[in-house]
Amino acid sequence: MPTEPARAARRGRGEPIDGVLLLDKPPGMTSNAALQAAKRLLAAAKAGHTGTLDPLASGLLPLCFGEATKLSGYLLDADKAYTARVALGARTTTGDAEGEVVETRPVAVDAAKLEAALARFRGRIEQVPPMHSALKRDGRPLYDYARAGVDVPREPRAVTIASLEWRDLAPDGVTLDVVCSKGTYIRVLAEDLGAALGCGAHLAALRRTGVGPFDIAGSVTLDALAALPLPARRAALLPADSLVAALPAVELEAGGAAAFRHGQPIPGAATGTGSRRVYCGGRLLGVGEAGGDGVLRPRRVLLLDGAG
């Protein structure tokens, strides 16, 4: 007989659960579809993601539930890690495998030539955002213009490639391991690499392996989640404070905790400057901001039933 949480999920209500799920998203699924599937499997009332992953791509998609959604923004600026398969010798309309081939060229790339080309893309570089992207111009995403055959001028944007290494070089392609900043387009990197090599290229496959402090090794697939009973599915959730584990922690007494929950500044609670994880008795209260004057000011207040 279906449990009450399962019945509630089918009715679209769900239960107020809190935490972070490291989902291994399959290729061919949008991030929102993956989020909704996980939300149903966990019979959760509230859910959100920490940034989308293209339908073409697979891999790590951190999902937030309940009060953890208030902290999702702290992952938006995090570095990302990818494994990308770049097809050499062909350019496509979209820069990836979903587009039509518009040009083919012979490939004459050896390890030395590849390494010399890759060196040009390490560190701080500029990328021109692709037309087939969700960036907006005059309120419309660029992919709308692209589908209508309209090319819109785009300004280059600065991004940082912290690490770029290659493996599995073959006549038809190469595998790249990339660690990059927010806003980096891996398919643009693939196209630009093809131009640097003189043969053209496009992104054949993409897998995200890391987001900030999270690694793909700790993730779970939707199929694996579905095979578990509901309590075991929820046991796969990480605590909300895993999203802000890199921030220094501040412990408050009961009086300071009550003030924090009401959005009031707490004098003498923090030294230095910057964001702080805030606790009382091991329970996560949220995130505060230390301004250098000893005062801790609430920025995100959580309503967790238990320890964060």
C-alpha atoms as a PDB file:
ATOM      1  CA  MET A   1       0.000   0.000   0.000  1.00  0.00           C
ATOM      2  CA  PRO A   2       1.427   3.458  -0.881  1.00  0.00           C
ATOM      3  CA  THR A   3       2.758   5.432   2.078  1.00  0.00           C
ATOM      4  CA  GLU A   4       1.387   8.859   2.943  1.00  0.00           C
ATOM      5  CA  PRO A   5       4.559  10.619   1.655  1.00  0.00           C
ATOM      6  CA  ALA A   6       4.212   8.774  -1.652  1.00  0.00           C
ATOM      7  CA  ARG A   7       0.511   9.708  -1.890  1.00  0.00           C
ATOM      8  CA  ALA A   8       1.358  13.309  -1.009  1.00  0.00           C
ATOM      9  CA  ALA A   9       4.009  13.397  -3.732  1.00  0.00           C
ATOM     10  CA  ARG A  10       1.503  12.187  -6.304  1.00  0.00           C
ATOM     11  CA  ARG A  11      -0.890  14.924  -5.176  1.00  0.00           C
ATOM     12  CA  GLY A  12       1.917  17.426  -5.714  1.00  0.00           C
ATOM     13  CA  ARG A  13       2.283  18.414  -2.036  1.00  0.00           C
ATOM     14  CA  GLY A  14       5.217  16.519  -0.566  1.00  0.00           C
ATOM     15  CA  GLU A  15       6.818  16.907   2.854  1.00  0.00           C
ATOM     16  CA  PRO A  16       9.153  19.593   4.222  1.00  0.00           C
ATOM     17  CA  ILE A  17      12.540  17.867   4.049  1.00  0.00           C
ATOM     18  CA  ASP A  18      15.867  19.709   4.073  1.00  0.00           C
ATOM     19  CA  GLY A  19      19.197  18.826   2.473  1.00  0.00           C
ATOM     20  CA  VAL A  20      21.305  18.536  -0.648  1.00  0.00           C
ATOM     21  CA  LEU A  21      21.211  15.723  -3.200  1.00  0.00           C
ATOM     22  CA  LEU A  22      24.207  15.149  -5.463  1.00  0.00           C
ATOM     23  CA  LEU A  23      22.460  13.876  -8.577  1.00  0.00           C
ATOM     24  CA  ASP A  24      24.238  12.245 -11.509  1.00  0.00           C
ATOM     25  CA  LYS A  25      22.036  13.640 -14.283  1.00  0.00           C
ATOM     26  CA  PRO A  26      21.685  11.478 -17.404  1.00  0.00           C
ATOM     27  CA  PRO A  27      22.299  12.961 -20.862  1.00  0.00           C
ATOM     28  CA  GLY A  28      19.203  14.025 -22.777  1.00  0.00           C
ATOM     29  CA  MET A  29      17.357  15.335 -19.710  1.00  0.00           C
ATOM     30  CA  THR A  30      16.921  18.971 -18.758  1.00  0.00           C
ATOM     31  CA  SER A  31      18.007  20.102 -15.320  1.00  0.00           C
ATOM     32  CA  ASN A  32      14.437  21.015 -14.427  1.00  0.00           C
ATOM     33  CA  ALA A  33      13.128  17.589 -15.455  1.00  0.00           C
ATOM     34  CA  ALA A  34      15.831  15.970 -13.308  1.00  0.00           C
ATOM     35  CA  LEU A  35      14.903  18.234 -10.392  1.00  0.00           C
ATOM     36  CA  GLN A  36      11.215  17.379 -10.646  1.00  0.00           C
ATOM     37  CA  ALA A  37      11.957  13.646 -10.867  1.00  0.00           C
ATOM     38  CA  ALA A  38      14.142  13.795  -7.745  1.00  0.00           C
ATOM     39  CA  LYS A  39      11.533  15.889  -5.948  1.00  0.00           C
ATOM     40  CA  ARG A  40       8.903  13.222  -6.625  1.00  0.00           C
ATOM     41  CA  LEU A  41      11.191  10.389  -5.542  1.00  0.00           C
ATOM     42  CA  LEU A  42      11.917  12.166  -2.254  1.00  0.00           C
ATOM     43  CA  ALA A  43       8.279  13.257  -1.809  1.00  0.00           C
ATOM     44  CA  ALA A  44       9.627  16.731  -1.087  1.00  0.00           C
ATOM     45  CA  ALA A  45       7.544  19.888  -0.832  1.00  0.00           C
ATOM     46  CA  LYS A  46      10.210  22.360  -1.990  1.00  0.00           C
ATOM     47  CA  ALA A  47      13.219  21.942  -4.265  1.00  0.00           C
ATOM     48  CA  GLY A  48      15.631  23.952  -6.397  1.00  0.00           C
ATOM     49  CA  HIS A  49      18.932  23.544  -8.237  1.00  0.00           C
ATOM     50  CA  THR A  50      22.233  25.376  -7.940  1.00  0.00           C
ATOM     51  CA  GLY A  51      22.642  26.162 -11.631  1.00  0.00           C
ATOM     52  CA  THR A  52      21.623  24.245 -14.720  1.00  0.00           C
ATOM     53  CA  LEU A  53      23.449  21.611 -16.729  1.00  0.00           C
ATOM     54  CA  ASP A  54      22.806  21.417 -20.482  1.00  0.00           C
ATOM     55  CA  PRO A  55      20.540  18.564 -21.639  1.00  0.00           C
ATOM     56  CA  LEU A  56      23.411  17.209 -23.777  1.00  0.00           C
ATOM     57  CA  ALA A  57      25.611  16.876 -20.680  1.00  0.00           C
ATOM     58  CA  SER A  58      25.593  14.278 -17.945  1.00  0.00           C
ATOM     59  CA  GLY A  59      27.023  14.377 -14.475  1.00  0.00           C
ATOM     60  CA  LEU A  60      26.931  16.271 -11.236  1.00  0.00           C
ATOM     61  CA  LEU A  61      23.841  18.386 -10.547  1.00  0.00           C
ATOM     62  CA  PRO A  62      23.526  19.439  -6.884  1.00  0.00           C
ATOM     63  CA  LEU A  63      19.865  19.787  -5.909  1.00  0.00           C
ATOM     64  CA  CYS A  64      18.571  21.597  -2.838  1.00  0.00           C
ATOM     65  CA  PHE A  65      15.499  20.722  -0.791  1.00  0.00           C
ATOM     66  CA  GLY A  66      13.557  22.688   1.802  1.00  0.00           C
ATOM     67  CA  GLU A  67      15.561  25.267   3.729  1.00  0.00           C
ATOM     68  CA  ALA A  68      18.731  24.326   1.831  1.00  0.00           C
ATOM     69  CA  THR A  69      17.303  26.184  -1.184  1.00  0.00           C
ATOM     70  CA  LYS A  70      18.080  29.439   0.672  1.00  0.00           C
ATOM     71  CA  LEU A  71      21.782  28.612   0.354  1.00  0.00           C
ATOM     72  CA  SER A  72      21.800  27.490  -3.288  1.00  0.00           C
ATOM     73  CA  GLY A  73      23.224  30.820  -4.445  1.00  0.00           C
ATOM     74  CA  TYR A  74      26.515  30.074  -2.709  1.00  0.00           C
ATOM     75  CA  LEU A  75      27.291  27.479  -5.398  1.00  0.00           C
ATOM     76  CA  LEU A  76      26.474  29.706  -8.373  1.00  0.00           C
ATOM     77  CA  ASP A  77      29.952  31.248  -8.401  1.00  0.00           C
ATOM     78  CA  ALA A  78      31.774  27.970  -7.672  1.00  0.00           C
ATOM     79  CA  ASP A  79      34.315  26.487 -10.074  1.00  0.00           C
ATOM     80  CA  LYS A  80      33.138  23.548 -12.159  1.00  0.00           C
ATOM     81  CA  ALA A  81      35.022  20.453 -13.362  1.00  0.00           C
ATOM     82  CA  TYR A  82      34.238  18.639 -16.627  1.00  0.00           C
ATOM     83  CA  THR A  83      35.373  15.780 -18.788  1.00  0.00           C
ATOM     84  CA  ALA A  84      34.757  16.722 -22.410  1.00  0.00           C
ATOM     85  CA  ARG A  85      35.083  14.705 -25.610  1.00  0.00           C
ATOM     86  CA  VAL A  86      36.012  17.043 -28.455  1.00  0.00           C
ATOM     87  CA  ALA A  87      35.437  15.827 -32.020  1.00  0.00           C
ATOM     88  CA  LEU A  88      38.162  17.106 -34.349  1.00  0.00           C
ATOM     89  CA  GLY A  89      37.755  17.908 -38.044  1.00  0.00           C
ATOM     90  CA  ALA A  90      34.146  19.121 -38.073  1.00  0.00           C
ATOM     91  CA  ARG A  91      32.330  22.301 -37.078  1.00  0.00           C
ATOM     92  CA  THR A  92      28.591  22.313 -36.345  1.00  0.00           C
ATOM     93  CA  THR A  93      25.884  24.977 -36.239  1.00  0.00           C
ATOM     94  CA  THR A  94      25.591  24.759 -32.449  1.00  0.00           C
ATOM     95  CA  GLY A  95      29.176  23.952 -31.505  1.00  0.00           C
ATOM     96  CA  ASP A  96      28.117  20.559 -30.189  1.00  0.00           C
ATOM     97  CA  ALA A  97      26.856  17.202 -31.406  1.00  0.00           C
ATOM     98  CA  GLU A  98      23.238  18.388 -31.613  1.00  0.00           C
ATOM     99  CA  GLY A  99      23.959  20.756 -34.509  1.00  0.00           C
ATOM    100  CA  GLU A 100      24.387  20.132 -38.216  1.00  0.00           C
ATOM    101  CA  VAL A 101      27.895  19.812 -39.639  1.00  0.00           C
ATOM    102  CA  VAL A 102      28.758  22.951 -41.595  1.00  0.00           C
ATOM    103  CA  GLU A 103      32.414  22.285 -42.391  1.00  0.00           C
ATOM    104  CA  THR A 104      34.878  19.401 -42.354  1.00  0.00           C
ATOM    105  CA  ARG A 105      38.660  19.594 -42.563  1.00  0.00           C
ATOM    106  CA  PRO A 106      41.527  17.107 -42.455  1.00  0.00           C
ATOM    107  CA  VAL A 107      43.074  16.531 -39.024  1.00  0.00           C
ATOM    108  CA  ALA A 108      46.823  16.547 -38.504  1.00  0.00           C
ATOM    109  CA  VAL A 109      47.250  16.881 -34.750  1.00  0.00           C
ATOM    110  CA  ASP A 110      49.937  15.276 -32.625  1.00  0.00           C
ATOM    111  CA  ALA A 111      50.618  15.595 -28.905  1.00  0.00           C
ATOM    112  CA  ALA A 112      53.033  18.501 -29.275  1.00  0.00           C
ATOM    113  CA  LYS A 113      50.678  20.532 -31.464  1.00  0.00           C
ATOM    114  CA  LEU A 114      47.760  19.845 -29.130  1.00  0.00           C
ATOM    115  CA  GLU A 115      49.713  20.842 -26.026  1.00  0.00           C
ATOM    116  CA  ALA A 116      50.862  24.066 -27.661  1.00  0.00           C
ATOM    117  CA  ALA A 117      47.279  24.931 -28.562  1.00  0.00           C
ATOM    118  CA  LEU A 118      45.908  24.105 -25.113  1.00  0.00           C
ATOM    119  CA  ALA A 119      48.471  26.377 -23.473  1.00  0.00           C
ATOM    120  CA  ARG A 120      46.706  29.336 -25.087  1.00  0.00           C
ATOM    121  CA  PHE A 121      43.505  28.593 -23.186  1.00  0.00           C
ATOM    122  CA  ARG A 122      44.851  28.150 -19.656  1.00  0.00           C
ATOM    123  CA  GLY A 123      44.360  30.968 -17.169  1.00  0.00           C
ATOM    124  CA  ARG A 124      42.211  34.036 -17.757  1.00  0.00           C
ATOM    125  CA  ILE A 125      40.819  34.112 -21.291  1.00  0.00           C
ATOM    126  CA  GLU A 126      37.952  35.705 -23.189  1.00  0.00           C
ATOM    127  CA  GLN A 127      35.050  33.814 -24.736  1.00  0.00           C
ATOM    128  CA  VAL A 128      32.281  35.007 -27.034  1.00  0.00           C
ATOM    129  CA  PRO A 129      29.022  33.455 -25.738  1.00  0.00           C
ATOM    130  CA  PRO A 130      27.402  31.118 -28.291  1.00  0.00           C
ATOM    131  CA  MET A 131      24.194  31.979 -30.084  1.00  0.00           C
ATOM    132  CA  HIS A 132      22.708  28.704 -28.884  1.00  0.00           C
ATOM    133  CA  SER A 133      22.638  29.748 -25.224  1.00  0.00           C
ATOM    134  CA  ALA A 134      20.124  31.004 -22.665  1.00  0.00           C
ATOM    135  CA  LEU A 135      21.738  34.440 -22.370  1.00  0.00           C
ATOM    136  CA  LYS A 136      19.146  37.112 -23.068  1.00  0.00           C
ATOM    137  CA  ARG A 137      19.100  40.061 -25.456  1.00  0.00           C
ATOM    138  CA  ASP A 138      16.132  42.441 -25.230  1.00  0.00           C
ATOM    139  CA  GLY A 139      14.324  39.927 -23.034  1.00  0.00           C
ATOM    140  CA  ARG A 140      14.745  36.989 -25.437  1.00  0.00           C
ATOM    141  CA  PRO A 141      17.224  34.129 -25.051  1.00  0.00           C
ATOM    142  CA  LEU A 142      19.887  34.009 -27.733  1.00  0.00           C
ATOM    143  CA  TYR A 143      18.774  30.558 -28.877  1.00  0.00           C
ATOM    144  CA  ASP A 144      15.471  32.111 -30.008  1.00  0.00           C
ATOM    145  CA  TYR A 145      17.391  34.403 -32.355  1.00  0.00           C
ATOM    146  CA  ALA A 146      19.569  31.489 -33.494  1.00  0.00           C
ATOM    147  CA  ARG A 147      16.524  29.384 -34.383  1.00  0.00           C
ATOM    148  CA  ALA A 148      15.191  32.318 -36.415  1.00  0.00           C
ATOM    149  CA  GLY A 149      18.482  32.572 -38.285  1.00  0.00           C
ATOM    150  CA  VAL A 150      19.418  35.918 -36.688  1.00  0.00           C
ATOM    151  CA  ASP A 151      22.995  36.426 -35.514  1.00  0.00           C
ATOM    152  CA  VAL A 152      23.169  38.843 -32.585  1.00  0.00           C
ATOM    153  CA  PRO A 153      26.441  40.638 -31.749  1.00  0.00           C
ATOM    154  CA  ARG A 154      27.884  39.396 -28.448  1.00  0.00           C
ATOM    155  CA  GLU A 155      30.624  40.928 -26.340  1.00  0.00           C
ATOM    156  CA  PRO A 156      33.509  38.697 -25.194  1.00  0.00           C
ATOM    157  CA  ARG A 157      33.418  37.734 -21.524  1.00  0.00           C
ATOM    158  CA  ALA A 158      36.365  36.968 -19.270  1.00  0.00           C
ATOM    159  CA  VAL A 159      36.509  33.477 -17.759  1.00  0.00           C
ATOM    160  CA  THR A 160      39.249  31.504 -16.048  1.00  0.00           C
ATOM    161  CA  ILE A 161      40.445  28.022 -17.019  1.00  0.00           C
ATOM    162  CA  ALA A 162      42.177  26.872 -13.840  1.00  0.00           C
ATOM    163  CA  SER A 163      43.183  23.496 -15.293  1.00  0.00           C
ATOM    164  CA  LEU A 164      43.115  22.082 -18.824  1.00  0.00           C
ATOM    165  CA  GLU A 165      44.668  18.682 -19.557  1.00  0.00           C
ATOM    166  CA  TRP A 166      44.240  16.202 -22.388  1.00  0.00           C
ATOM    167  CA  ARG A 167      44.136  12.424 -22.744  1.00  0.00           C
ATOM    168  CA  ASP A 168      43.054   9.831 -25.298  1.00  0.00           C
ATOM    169  CA  LEU A 169      44.149  11.729 -28.404  1.00  0.00           C
ATOM    170  CA  ALA A 170      42.926  10.008 -31.576  1.00  0.00           C
ATOM    171  CA  PRO A 171      42.566  11.088 -35.224  1.00  0.00           C
ATOM    172  CA  ASP A 172      38.900  11.874 -34.699  1.00  0.00           C
ATOM    173  CA  GLY A 173      39.021  13.539 -31.287  1.00  0.00           C
ATOM    174  CA  VAL A 174      40.507  14.160 -27.873  1.00  0.00           C
ATOM    175  CA  THR A 175      39.307  13.977 -24.268  1.00  0.00           C
ATOM    176  CA  LEU A 176      39.847  17.046 -22.088  1.00  0.00           C
ATOM    177  CA  ASP A 177      39.706  17.441 -18.320  1.00  0.00           C
ATOM    178  CA  VAL A 178      38.715  21.015 -17.470  1.00  0.00           C
ATOM    179  CA  VAL A 179      38.368  23.011 -14.261  1.00  0.00           C
ATOM    180  CA  CYS A 180      36.887  26.431 -14.971  1.00  0.00           C
ATOM    181  CA  SER A 181      35.110  29.426 -13.529  1.00  0.00           C
ATOM    182  CA  LYS A 182      31.447  30.300 -13.619  1.00  0.00           C
ATOM    183  CA  GLY A 183      30.207  31.278 -17.083  1.00  0.00           C
ATOM    184  CA  THR A 184      32.666  29.158 -19.069  1.00  0.00           C
ATOM    185  CA  TYR A 185      31.200  27.516 -22.188  1.00  0.00           C
ATOM    186  CA  ILE A 186      32.939  24.200 -22.853  1.00  0.00           C
ATOM    187  CA  ARG A 187      31.545  24.014 -26.399  1.00  0.00           C
ATOM    188  CA  VAL A 188      33.061  27.421 -27.133  1.00  0.00           C
ATOM    189  CA  LEU A 189      36.348  26.099 -25.742  1.00  0.00           C
ATOM    190  CA  ALA A 190      36.019  23.111 -28.105  1.00  0.00           C
ATOM    191  CA  GLU A 191      35.325  25.372 -31.102  1.00  0.00           C
ATOM    192  CA  ASP A 192      38.167  27.741 -30.243  1.00  0.00           C
ATOM    193  CA  LEU A 193      40.547  24.815 -29.802  1.00  0.00           C
ATOM    194  CA  GLY A 194      39.541  23.505 -33.238  1.00  0.00           C
ATOM    195  CA  ALA A 195      40.275  26.917 -34.735  1.00  0.00           C
ATOM    196  CA  ALA A 196      43.668  27.024 -33.011  1.00  0.00           C
ATOM    197  CA  LEU A 197      44.491  23.567 -34.397  1.00  0.00           C
ATOM    198  CA  GLY A 198      43.336  24.548 -37.890  1.00  0.00           C
ATOM    199  CA  CYS A 199      40.985  21.613 -38.290  1.00  0.00           C
ATOM    200  CA  GLY A 200      37.753  22.764 -36.666  1.00  0.00           C
ATOM    201  CA  ALA A 201      36.070  20.966 -33.783  1.00  0.00           C
ATOM    202  CA  HIS A 202      32.866  20.602 -31.802  1.00  0.00           C
ATOM    203  CA  LEU A 203      31.826  19.241 -28.422  1.00  0.00           C
ATOM    204  CA  ALA A 204      30.841  15.599 -28.835  1.00  0.00           C
ATOM    205  CA  ALA A 205      30.041  14.745 -25.196  1.00  0.00           C
ATOM    206  CA  LEU A 206      30.264  16.453 -21.809  1.00  0.00           C
ATOM    207  CA  ARG A 207      30.229  15.168 -18.252  1.00  0.00           C
ATOM    208  CA  ARG A 208      30.387  17.421 -15.204  1.00  0.00           C
ATOM    209  CA  THR A 209      32.522  15.844 -12.510  1.00  0.00           C
ATOM    210  CA  GLY A 210      32.711  18.566  -9.879  1.00  0.00           C
ATOM    211  CA  VAL A 211      30.919  21.645  -8.549  1.00  0.00           C
ATOM    212  CA  GLY A 212      32.707  23.625  -5.859  1.00  0.00           C
ATOM    213  CA  PRO A 213      33.358  21.223  -2.953  1.00  0.00           C
ATOM    214  CA  PHE A 214      31.254  18.419  -4.450  1.00  0.00           C
ATOM    215  CA  ASP A 215      32.568  15.527  -6.548  1.00  0.00           C
ATOM    216  CA  ILE A 216      30.767  13.138  -8.888  1.00  0.00           C
ATOM    217  CA  ALA A 217      31.994  10.224  -6.738  1.00  0.00           C
ATOM    218  CA  GLY A 218      29.418  11.142  -4.101  1.00  0.00           C
ATOM    219  CA  SER A 219      26.483  11.349  -6.505  1.00  0.00           C
ATOM    220  CA  VAL A 220      23.536   9.041  -7.151  1.00  0.00           C
ATOM    221  CA  THR A 221      21.534   8.412 -10.330  1.00  0.00           C
ATOM    222  CA  LEU A 222      17.760   8.690 -10.566  1.00  0.00           C
ATOM    223  CA  ASP A 223      17.526   4.954 -11.268  1.00  0.00           C
ATOM    224  CA  ALA A 224      19.578   4.104  -8.189  1.00  0.00           C
ATOM    225  CA  LEU A 225      17.469   6.475  -6.101  1.00  0.00           C
ATOM    226  CA  ALA A 226      14.237   4.943  -7.408  1.00  0.00           C
ATOM    227  CA  ALA A 227      15.426   1.470  -6.408  1.00  0.00           C
ATOM    228  CA  LEU A 228      15.638   2.503  -2.729  1.00  0.00           C
ATOM    229  CA  PRO A 229      12.831   2.770  -0.175  1.00  0.00           C
ATOM    230  CA  LEU A 230      11.890   6.341   0.729  1.00  0.00           C
ATOM    231  CA  PRO A 231      13.842   6.479   4.032  1.00  0.00           C
ATOM    232  CA  ALA A 232      17.028   5.366   2.233  1.00  0.00           C
ATOM    233  CA  ARG A 233      16.460   7.946  -0.514  1.00  0.00           C
ATOM    234  CA  ARG A 234      16.267  10.697   2.070  1.00  0.00           C
ATOM    235  CA  ALA A 235      19.325   9.309   3.840  1.00  0.00           C
ATOM    236  CA  ALA A 236      21.280  10.139   0.667  1.00  0.00           C
ATOM    237  CA  LEU A 237      20.777  13.859   1.352  1.00  0.00           C
ATOM    238  CA  LEU A 238      23.718  15.879   2.610  1.00  0.00           C
ATOM    239  CA  PRO A 239      23.095  18.495   5.328  1.00  0.00           C
ATOM    240  CA  ALA A 240      22.300  22.034   4.265  1.00  0.00           C
ATOM    241  CA  ASP A 241      25.586  23.381   5.572  1.00  0.00           C
ATOM    242  CA  SER A 242      27.525  21.290   3.042  1.00  0.00           C
ATOM    243  CA  LEU A 243      26.717  24.122   0.616  1.00  0.00           C
ATOM    244  CA  VAL A 244      28.682  26.613   2.710  1.00  0.00           C
ATOM    245  CA  ALA A 245      31.278  24.332   4.288  1.00  0.00           C
ATOM    246  CA  ALA A 246      34.100  26.568   3.012  1.00  0.00           C
ATOM    247  CA  LEU A 247      32.876  29.521   5.110  1.00  0.00           C
ATOM    248  CA  PRO A 248      34.274  30.126   8.618  1.00  0.00           C
ATOM    249  CA  ALA A 249      31.881  29.108  11.394  1.00  0.00           C
ATOM    250  CA  VAL A 250      30.464  31.220  14.217  1.00  0.00           C
ATOM    251  CA  GLU A 251      28.791  29.698  17.299  1.00  0.00           C
ATOM    252  CA  LEU A 252      26.159  31.809  19.062  1.00  0.00           C
ATOM    253  CA  GLU A 253      24.658  31.552  22.528  1.00  0.00           C
ATOM    254  CA  ALA A 254      20.882  31.250  22.887  1.00  0.00           C
ATOM    255  CA  GLY A 255      20.314  35.005  23.117  1.00  0.00           C
ATOM    256  CA  GLY A 256      22.368  35.747  20.020  1.00  0.00           C
ATOM    257  CA  ALA A 257      20.659  32.895  18.165  1.00  0.00           C
ATOM    258  CA  ALA A 258      17.225  34.356  18.916  1.00  0.00           C
ATOM    259  CA  ALA A 259      18.353  37.753  17.616  1.00  0.00           C
ATOM    260  CA  PHE A 260      19.837  36.167  14.491  1.00  0.00           C
ATOM    261  CA  ARG A 261      16.579  34.331  13.738  1.00  0.00           C
ATOM    262  CA  HIS A 262      14.751  37.656  13.910  1.00  0.00           C
ATOM    263  CA  GLY A 263      17.180  39.293  11.491  1.00  0.00           C
ATOM    264  CA  GLN A 264      18.852  41.439  14.124  1.00  0.00           C
ATOM    265  CA  PRO A 265      22.599  42.257  14.134  1.00  0.00           C
ATOM    266  CA  ILE A 266      24.634  40.670  16.937  1.00  0.00           C
ATOM    267  CA  PRO A 267      27.438  42.908  18.295  1.00  0.00           C
ATOM    268  CA  GLY A 268      30.716  41.248  19.237  1.00  0.00           C
ATOM    269  CA  ALA A 269      29.828  37.952  17.547  1.00  0.00           C
ATOM    270  CA  ALA A 270      32.365  37.890  14.717  1.00  0.00           C
ATOM    271  CA  THR A 271      35.882  39.016  13.935  1.00  0.00           C
ATOM    272  CA  GLY A 272      37.243  39.899  10.519  1.00  0.00           C
ATOM    273  CA  THR A 273      35.092  40.368   7.433  1.00  0.00           C
ATOM    274  CA  GLY A 274      33.101  38.157   5.098  1.00  0.00           C
ATOM    275  CA  SER A 275      30.386  35.512   5.166  1.00  0.00           C
ATOM    276  CA  ARG A 276      30.075  33.137   8.121  1.00  0.00           C
ATOM    277  CA  ARG A 277      28.216  29.899   8.818  1.00  0.00           C
ATOM    278  CA  VAL A 278      26.192  30.525  11.965  1.00  0.00           C
ATOM    279  CA  TYR A 279      25.319  27.842  14.545  1.00  0.00           C
ATOM    280  CA  CYS A 280      23.810  27.466  17.972  1.00  0.00           C
ATOM    281  CA  GLY A 281      24.440  24.204  19.781  1.00  0.00           C
ATOM    282  CA  GLY A 282      25.560  22.550  16.548  1.00  0.00           C
ATOM    283  CA  ARG A 283      22.367  23.585  14.741  1.00  0.00           C
ATOM    284  CA  LEU A 284      22.742  25.638  11.578  1.00  0.00           C
ATOM    285  CA  LEU A 285      20.934  28.968  11.818  1.00  0.00           C
ATOM    286  CA  GLY A 286      22.010  30.346   8.455  1.00  0.00           C
ATOM    287  CA  VAL A 287      24.676  32.629   7.015  1.00  0.00           C
ATOM    288  CA  GLY A 288      25.737  35.982   8.428  1.00  0.00           C
ATOM    289  CA  GLU A 289      28.090  38.715   7.303  1.00  0.00           C
ATOM    290  CA  ALA A 290      30.943  40.026   9.431  1.00  0.00           C
ATOM    291  CA  GLY A 291      31.703  43.646   8.598  1.00  0.00           C
ATOM    292  CA  GLY A 292      34.987  44.135  10.437  1.00  0.00           C
ATOM    293  CA  ASP A 293      33.336  45.994  13.339  1.00  0.00           C
ATOM    294  CA  GLY A 294      32.626  42.872  15.364  1.00  0.00           C
ATOM    295  CA  VAL A 295      28.962  42.886  14.364  1.00  0.00           C
ATOM    296  CA  LEU A 296      27.412  39.800  12.728  1.00  0.00           C
ATOM    297  CA  ARG A 297      24.520  40.681  10.424  1.00  0.00           C
ATOM    298  CA  PRO A 298      22.093  37.979   9.248  1.00  0.00           C
ATOM    299  CA  ARG A 299      22.008  37.365   5.488  1.00  0.00           C
ATOM    300  CA  ARG A 300      20.237  34.003   5.160  1.00  0.00           C
ATOM    301  CA  VAL A 301      18.146  32.686   8.077  1.00  0.00           C
ATOM    302  CA  LEU A 302      17.183  29.003   8.021  1.00  0.00           C
ATOM    303  CA  LEU A 303      14.364  27.246   9.871  1.00  0.00           C
ATOM    304  CA  LEU A 304      15.813  23.785  10.345  1.00  0.00           C
ATOM    305  CA  ASP A 305      14.262  21.311  12.778  1.00  0.00           C
ATOM    306  CA  GLY A 306      17.554  19.615  13.520  1.00  0.00           C
ATOM    307  CA  ALA A 307      21.270  20.095  13.113  1.00  0.00           C
ATOM    308  CA  GLY A 308      22.324  21.543   9.758  1.00  0.00           C
END
